[in-house]
Protein backbone atom coordinates (compact mmCIF):
# COMPACT_ATOMS: atom_id res chain seq x y z
CA MET A 1 3.22 -25.48 1.78
CA ILE A 2 1.28 -22.62 4.07
CA PRO A 3 1.64 -19.17 1.71
CA VAL A 4 3.02 -16.05 2.94
CA SER A 5 -0.35 -14.33 0.84
CA LYS A 6 -3.16 -16.56 -1.10
CA PRO A 7 -5.72 -13.67 -3.27
CA CYS A 8 -9.63 -14.93 -0.94
CA ILE A 9 -11.44 -15.64 -4.46
CA GLY A 10 -15.01 -16.74 -3.64
CA GLU A 11 -18.15 -17.86 -5.63
CA GLN A 12 -19.69 -14.34 -6.47
CA GLU A 13 -16.24 -13.40 -8.04
CA VAL A 14 -16.60 -15.67 -10.60
CA SER A 15 -20.49 -15.38 -11.52
CA ASN A 16 -19.82 -11.37 -11.59
CA VAL A 17 -17.21 -11.92 -14.53
CA ALA A 18 -19.47 -14.43 -16.38
CA GLU A 19 -22.13 -12.26 -16.04
CA VAL A 20 -19.52 -9.84 -17.36
CA LEU A 21 -18.23 -11.96 -20.79
CA ARG A 22 -22.05 -12.48 -21.25
CA SER A 23 -22.65 -9.24 -22.04
CA GLY A 24 -19.40 -9.17 -23.45
CA MET A 25 -19.11 -5.75 -22.50
CA ILE A 26 -15.93 -6.50 -21.42
CA ALA A 27 -14.06 -2.83 -21.44
CA SER A 28 -14.19 -0.08 -19.25
CA GLY A 29 -18.39 0.85 -18.53
CA GLU A 30 -21.17 0.03 -15.95
CA TRP A 31 -19.38 -2.32 -13.67
CA VAL A 32 -16.90 0.10 -13.55
CA LYS A 33 -19.06 2.78 -12.41
CA ARG A 34 -20.76 0.99 -9.91
CA PHE A 35 -17.61 -0.04 -8.17
CA GLU A 36 -15.89 3.31 -8.09
CA GLU A 37 -19.47 4.61 -6.44
CA GLU A 38 -18.96 1.90 -4.38
CA PHE A 39 -15.70 2.84 -3.04
CA THR A 40 -16.77 6.04 -2.82
CA GLU A 41 -19.11 5.24 -0.10
CA TYR A 42 -16.95 2.18 1.78
CA VAL A 43 -13.49 5.13 2.05
CA GLY A 44 -16.50 8.03 2.44
CA THR A 45 -14.71 10.08 0.29
CA LYS A 46 -16.76 11.61 -2.19
CA TYR A 47 -14.88 11.09 -5.70
CA ALA A 48 -13.21 7.81 -6.93
CA VAL A 49 -11.17 7.10 -9.68
CA ALA A 50 -10.29 3.49 -11.06
CA THR A 51 -7.40 2.91 -12.58
CA THR A 52 -5.24 -0.07 -13.81
CA SER A 53 -2.78 -0.53 -10.63
CA GLY A 54 -1.73 1.76 -7.79
CA THR A 55 1.63 2.09 -9.34
CA VAL A 56 -0.74 4.44 -11.86
CA ALA A 57 -2.74 5.55 -8.84
CA LEU A 58 -0.11 7.41 -7.54
CA ASP A 59 1.71 8.39 -11.30
CA ILE A 60 -2.07 10.09 -12.49
CA THR A 61 -2.01 11.62 -8.53
CA LEU A 62 1.72 13.60 -9.13
CA LYS A 63 0.64 14.61 -12.92
CA ALA A 64 -2.33 16.04 -12.09
CA LEU A 65 -0.80 17.96 -9.36
CA SER A 66 1.32 19.09 -11.83
CA ILE A 67 4.54 17.99 -10.58
CA LYS A 68 6.86 18.62 -12.62
CA SER A 69 11.09 18.19 -13.16
CA GLY A 70 13.25 20.63 -10.43
CA ASP A 71 10.05 19.64 -8.21
CA GLU A 72 10.41 17.01 -4.98
CA VAL A 73 8.51 15.46 -3.57
CA ILE A 74 9.05 13.78 -0.12
CA VAL A 75 8.78 9.80 0.00
CA PRO A 76 9.36 7.25 2.91
CA ASP A 77 12.32 5.45 1.98
CA PHE A 78 11.20 1.97 3.87
CA THR A 79 8.68 1.04 0.89
CA PHE A 80 7.64 -1.00 -2.22
CA ILE A 81 9.87 0.87 -4.80
CA SER A 82 6.57 2.20 -7.00
CA THR A 83 6.43 4.68 -4.15
CA ALA A 84 9.57 6.47 -5.45
CA ASN A 85 9.46 6.58 -8.99
CA ALA A 86 5.78 7.17 -9.02
CA VAL A 87 8.43 11.00 -9.08
CA LEU A 88 10.67 9.91 -10.96
CA PHE A 89 8.18 9.36 -13.79
CA GLN A 90 7.22 12.60 -13.83
CA GLY A 91 11.20 13.95 -13.77
CA ALA A 92 10.72 15.50 -11.01
CA ARG A 93 13.20 14.24 -7.59
CA PRO A 94 12.63 11.39 -4.92
CA ALA A 95 13.21 12.60 -1.54
CA PHE A 96 13.72 10.17 1.03
CA ALA A 97 12.65 10.30 4.54
CA ASP A 98 13.33 8.14 7.13
CA VAL A 99 10.78 6.01 9.41
CA ASP A 100 9.57 5.28 12.88
CA GLU A 101 11.20 2.21 14.23
CA GLY A 102 8.10 0.32 15.87
CA MET A 103 6.04 1.26 13.20
CA PHE A 104 7.89 1.19 10.29
CA ASN A 105 5.86 4.47 8.50
CA ILE A 106 7.55 7.85 7.33
CA ASN A 107 8.76 9.91 10.46
CA PRO A 108 7.50 13.67 10.52
CA GLU A 109 10.16 14.94 13.04
CA ASP A 110 12.80 13.76 9.12
CA VAL A 111 9.88 15.04 6.88
CA LEU A 112 11.19 18.30 8.07
CA GLU A 113 14.62 17.66 7.51
CA LYS A 114 13.82 17.56 4.05
CA ILE A 115 12.20 19.97 3.20
CA THR A 116 13.79 22.35 0.79
CA PRO A 117 12.39 25.09 -1.37
CA HIS A 118 12.07 22.84 -3.86
CA THR A 119 9.26 20.41 -2.19
CA LYS A 120 5.94 20.43 -4.09
CA ALA A 121 4.26 17.57 -2.02
CA VAL A 122 4.53 14.17 1.14
CA ILE A 123 4.46 10.90 0.10
CA GLY A 124 2.97 9.49 3.18
CA VAL A 125 2.58 5.17 2.92
CA HIS A 126 0.22 3.21 4.84
CA LEU A 127 2.73 0.35 5.65
CA PHE A 128 2.19 -3.15 6.12
CA GLY A 129 -2.13 -1.65 6.33
CA GLN A 130 -1.16 0.47 9.81
CA PRO A 131 -1.31 3.95 9.23
CA PHE A 132 0.55 6.97 9.10
CA ASN A 133 0.63 9.83 11.75
CA ILE A 134 -2.00 11.53 9.45
CA ARG A 135 -2.44 14.05 11.46
CA ALA A 136 1.52 15.46 11.97
CA ILE A 137 2.48 14.98 8.08
CA GLN A 138 -1.39 17.43 7.12
CA GLU A 139 0.31 19.83 9.58
CA ILE A 140 3.28 20.29 7.85
CA CYS A 141 1.57 20.39 4.65
CA GLU A 142 -0.21 23.01 5.86
CA ASP A 143 2.43 24.86 7.33
CA TYR A 144 4.52 24.65 4.07
CA ALA A 145 1.70 24.48 1.46
CA LEU A 146 2.86 21.13 0.13
CA ARG A 147 0.57 18.20 -1.29
CA LEU A 148 -0.51 15.60 0.37
CA ILE A 149 -0.94 12.46 -0.80
CA GLU A 150 -1.64 8.88 0.78
CA ASP A 151 -0.02 5.52 -0.72
CA CYS A 152 -3.38 3.07 1.00
CA ALA A 153 -1.94 0.16 -1.41
CA GLN A 154 -2.01 -2.64 1.69
CA ALA A 155 -4.53 -0.51 4.18
CA HIS A 156 -7.66 -0.52 2.66
CA GLY A 157 -9.91 -0.78 4.92
CA ALA A 158 -7.99 0.77 8.03
CA GLU A 159 -8.62 4.01 10.14
CA TYR A 160 -6.81 6.69 11.46
CA ASP A 161 -9.12 8.87 14.01
CA GLY A 162 -12.95 6.62 13.12
CA GLN A 163 -11.97 7.31 9.81
CA LYS A 164 -10.52 4.90 6.83
CA VAL A 165 -7.83 6.30 4.64
CA GLY A 166 -7.83 7.75 1.82
CA ARG A 167 -9.89 10.75 2.98
CA PHE A 168 -7.42 12.25 4.37
CA GLY A 169 -4.48 13.34 1.78
CA ASP A 170 -5.42 15.89 -1.80
CA VAL A 171 -5.51 12.03 -3.11
CA GLY A 172 -5.21 8.14 -2.15
CA CYS A 173 -4.07 5.66 -3.96
CA PHE A 174 -5.08 2.28 -3.00
CA SER A 175 -3.44 -0.65 -5.46
CA PHE A 176 -6.15 -4.07 -5.61
CA TYR A 177 -2.76 -6.26 -6.47
CA ALA A 178 -3.54 -9.82 -6.06
CA THR A 179 -1.81 -10.15 -2.24
CA LYS A 180 -3.39 -7.27 -1.11
CA PRO A 181 -6.17 -6.84 1.36
CA MET A 182 -8.45 -6.84 -1.50
CA THR A 183 -8.14 -7.45 -5.15
CA THR A 184 -8.92 -7.27 -8.45
CA GLY A 185 -6.04 -9.24 -9.73
CA GLU A 186 -4.38 -6.05 -11.28
CA GLY A 187 -5.92 -2.82 -11.10
CA GLY A 188 -5.67 0.80 -8.61
CA MET A 189 -8.59 2.90 -7.28
CA LEU A 190 -7.49 7.40 -6.41
CA THR A 191 -10.17 8.69 -3.87
CA THR A 192 -10.51 12.84 -3.63
CA GLY A 193 -12.79 15.26 -2.22
CA ASP A 194 -11.56 17.60 -4.89
CA ARG A 195 -13.98 17.54 -7.70
CA GLU A 196 -11.49 19.93 -9.97
CA LEU A 197 -8.91 16.87 -9.02
CA GLU A 198 -11.25 14.35 -9.46
CA LYS A 199 -12.07 15.92 -13.19
CA ARG A 200 -8.09 16.28 -13.23
CA LEU A 201 -7.58 12.56 -12.66
CA ARG A 202 -10.24 11.31 -14.68
CA LEU A 203 -8.80 13.78 -18.18
CA LEU A 204 -5.86 11.80 -17.61
CA VAL A 205 -6.80 7.92 -17.09
CA ASN A 206 -8.48 8.27 -20.50
CA HIS A 207 -6.49 9.65 -23.40
CA GLY A 208 -7.62 13.28 -21.85
CA GLN A 209 -10.84 12.93 -23.70
CA SER A 210 -13.14 15.90 -22.50
CA GLU A 211 -15.24 14.29 -24.75
CA LYS A 212 -15.90 11.49 -27.17
CA TYR A 213 -12.75 12.06 -29.84
CA VAL A 214 -12.43 16.02 -28.39
CA HIS A 215 -8.92 15.61 -26.48
CA THR A 216 -8.02 18.85 -24.51
CA ALA A 217 -5.28 17.39 -22.22
CA LEU A 218 -1.98 14.44 -23.26
CA GLY A 219 -4.10 11.49 -21.02
CA TYR A 220 -3.40 7.31 -20.91
CA ASN A 221 -5.26 4.28 -21.14
CA TYR A 222 -5.21 3.87 -18.28
CA ARG A 223 -8.67 2.68 -17.78
CA MET A 224 -9.83 -0.38 -15.92
CA THR A 225 -12.29 -3.36 -17.09
CA ASN A 226 -15.54 -4.50 -16.34
CA ILE A 227 -14.00 -7.45 -15.48
CA GLN A 228 -11.35 -6.05 -12.96
CA ALA A 229 -15.06 -4.85 -11.25
CA ALA A 230 -17.08 -7.26 -11.30
CA ILE A 231 -14.49 -9.38 -9.48
CA GLY A 232 -13.42 -6.16 -7.25
CA THR A 233 -17.41 -5.21 -6.05
CA ALA A 234 -17.06 -8.19 -4.62
CA GLN A 235 -14.34 -8.32 -3.22
CA LEU A 236 -15.20 -4.63 -0.93
CA GLU A 237 -18.07 -7.01 0.05
CA LYS A 238 -15.70 -9.02 1.72
CA LEU A 239 -13.05 -6.67 2.72
CA ASP A 240 -14.17 -5.71 6.43
CA GLY A 241 -14.88 -10.07 6.66
CA PHE A 242 -11.42 -10.33 5.67
CA ASN A 243 -9.53 -7.93 7.59
CA GLU A 244 -10.93 -8.95 10.87
CA GLN A 245 -10.06 -12.38 10.26
CA ARG A 246 -5.99 -10.67 8.97
CA ALA A 247 -6.61 -8.84 12.74
CA HIS A 248 -7.47 -12.10 13.96
CA ASN A 249 -4.55 -13.55 13.45
CA ALA A 250 -2.55 -11.26 13.82
CA GLN A 251 -3.94 -11.41 17.43
CA TYR A 252 -2.68 -15.07 17.83
CA LEU A 253 0.09 -14.47 16.86
CA ASN A 254 0.69 -11.50 19.13
CA GLU A 255 -0.04 -14.14 21.88
CA HIS A 256 1.90 -17.14 21.07
CA VAL A 257 5.19 -16.20 19.74
CA LYS A 258 7.59 -16.80 22.61
CA LEU A 259 11.01 -16.71 20.55
CA SER A 260 13.54 -14.59 22.78
CA GLY A 261 14.95 -11.60 20.16
CA ILE A 262 11.87 -11.39 18.38
CA GLU A 263 9.98 -8.09 18.16
CA LEU A 264 6.24 -8.79 17.47
CA PRO A 265 4.75 -6.06 15.16
CA HIS A 266 4.00 -2.58 16.96
CA CYS A 267 0.01 -1.52 16.72
CA GLU A 268 -0.75 2.01 17.46
CA GLY A 269 -4.11 3.75 17.14
CA GLY A 270 -5.74 0.26 16.90
CA GLY A 271 -6.50 0.61 13.04
CA HIS A 272 -3.50 -1.97 11.36
CA VAL A 273 -5.60 -4.77 8.59
CA TYR A 274 -2.43 -6.35 8.70
CA HIS A 275 -1.85 -6.62 5.04
CA GLN A 276 0.92 -8.20 6.58
CA TYR A 277 1.96 -9.24 9.75
CA VAL A 278 6.01 -7.63 9.65
CA LEU A 279 8.13 -8.66 12.28
CA LYS A 280 12.08 -7.86 13.53
CA VAL A 281 14.74 -10.19 14.12
CA SER A 282 16.50 -8.24 17.20
CA GLU A 283 20.76 -8.40 16.76
CA GLY A 284 20.88 -9.86 20.06
CA ALA A 285 17.48 -13.11 18.86
CA SER A 286 18.87 -16.73 19.16
CA VAL A 287 19.00 -16.96 15.38
CA SER A 288 19.36 -15.11 12.16
CA ARG A 289 16.89 -13.86 10.14
CA ASP A 290 18.34 -16.48 7.65
CA GLU A 291 18.81 -19.34 9.56
CA LEU A 292 15.07 -18.55 10.86
CA VAL A 293 13.62 -18.23 7.44
CA ARG A 294 15.04 -22.10 6.36
CA HIS A 295 13.89 -23.40 9.96
CA LEU A 296 9.93 -22.11 8.81
CA SER A 297 10.54 -23.54 4.95
CA GLU A 298 11.49 -26.36 6.20
CA ALA A 299 8.26 -27.48 8.08
CA GLY A 300 6.01 -25.64 5.09
CA ILE A 301 5.92 -22.37 5.95
CA GLY A 302 6.34 -19.75 3.19
CA THR A 303 7.77 -15.92 4.70
CA ALA A 304 9.19 -12.79 2.77
CA ILE A 305 11.62 -10.25 3.36
CA HIS A 306 9.57 -6.45 2.58
CA TYR A 307 12.13 -5.02 1.95
CA PRO A 308 15.66 -5.98 1.79
CA LEU A 309 17.12 -3.36 0.84
CA PRO A 310 15.75 1.03 1.50
CA VAL A 311 14.11 2.51 -1.67
CA HIS A 312 17.98 5.34 -1.49
CA GLN A 313 19.40 1.87 -1.84
CA GLN A 314 18.05 -0.13 -4.24
CA PRO A 315 20.85 0.33 -7.80
CA LEU A 316 19.04 2.49 -9.89
CA TYR A 317 19.12 5.06 -6.93
CA LEU A 318 22.74 4.92 -5.77
CA GLY A 319 23.38 5.13 -9.72
CA LEU A 320 21.10 8.35 -9.70
CA GLY A 321 23.95 9.91 -6.89
CA TYR A 322 22.15 8.74 -4.05
CA ASP A 323 24.28 8.72 -0.39
CA ALA A 324 23.79 5.13 0.43
CA GLU A 325 24.42 6.56 4.20
CA GLN A 326 21.04 7.96 4.54
CA CYS A 327 18.34 7.17 6.40
CA PRO A 328 19.85 4.72 9.20
CA VAL A 329 16.50 3.38 10.85
CA ALA A 330 15.09 1.96 6.90
CA THR A 331 18.86 0.23 6.34
CA GLY A 332 18.32 -1.21 9.94
CA LEU A 333 14.40 -2.46 9.23
CA SER A 334 15.50 -4.58 5.96
CA LYS A 335 18.45 -6.13 7.59
CA GLY A 336 16.36 -7.73 10.37
CA VAL A 337 12.59 -7.73 8.49
CA LEU A 338 10.36 -11.01 8.39
CA SER A 339 6.84 -11.56 7.26
CA LEU A 340 5.18 -13.98 8.49
CA PRO A 341 1.48 -15.39 7.21
CA VAL A 342 -1.02 -13.42 8.38
CA HIS A 343 -3.80 -13.66 5.44
CA PRO A 344 -7.87 -14.44 5.95
CA ALA A 345 -7.45 -18.29 4.72
CA LEU A 346 -5.49 -19.65 7.56
CA THR A 347 -6.88 -21.40 9.78
CA ASP A 348 -6.19 -21.39 12.82
CA GLN A 349 -4.26 -25.61 12.92
CA GLU A 350 -1.50 -23.65 10.68
CA LEU A 351 -1.60 -20.73 13.02
CA SER A 352 -0.63 -23.45 15.83
CA HIS A 353 1.35 -24.96 13.65
CA ILE A 354 3.52 -21.70 12.41
CA CYS A 355 4.36 -20.11 16.19
CA ASN A 356 5.55 -24.10 17.46
CA VAL A 357 7.93 -24.14 14.84
CA ILE A 358 8.94 -20.86 15.42
CA ASN A 359 9.34 -21.63 19.50
CA SER A 360 11.16 -25.09 19.28
CA LEU A 361 13.98 -22.43 18.31
CA GLU A 362 14.20 -21.17 21.90
């Protein structure tokens, strides 16, 4: 079976972890500090704070920005659920904005429609590795005095106007889950250019501790371990190579998938890193999405559906009284999208096999 995603772990990761284990310093320490410094340099921001997951990164960011009960935060409706759930963690209300039909990212026009006197922030997601329209969302946030949070969980190394994502908002939130462009197994990173915000983030990640056994805020144990950071430093060195291979694989699929009614990924601005290669099976296609999934599975090719429901239609949110009929673009996408393998470990032979199997349905 050709898996739809696959972490690429090599000998450097193994060697780094072995060094940590032999040292006995397996909790948070110098490796974490090194990883933060190297990630800061890579993204081009001033500060980075390592943590335990991308979801925690979003949660801590909203806490640091003092989002609370009665506030609203605008989030895209077509994303992984943690983007919205982080708002619920604060007792605040996610307001769902629809997405762009071509890029699948948050639609600035709908963001404007969702602003109310209670709106405090916007979370933009660089979905599947493609940056959202940062300039348009930045202008909205400036006009309405809103905080901008970048959800970069799927977009490590992606660029917008020649700069890495994670440096445009008040905070950038990264995930290092196993299937992400780079991994630490589980883990996350926060990036910011604001010194006071960095201090607040670091305080919350470590028990609200301003100095040893002096706790000035209600904090948490959200620290990354040296073991995770040791993997992360090795992965970060390889990230550009991983992204180049993903782009190569995506280009091959773009050039060789020929099935009618299949809409290939729309890339705008050249900054896409293809965390996922997501095509759309249109209503007029010669096969349904389910038929295509079965056909590929029978040929030993893994696929995934990111995402089968827009967030507002998840049972959790319907139970909270959200309107099931809102965000028609996100709802339509959920019925047609399909992710194909695009990870760096794919061979040319496997890419050819994927395309031939799809095209055999013509």
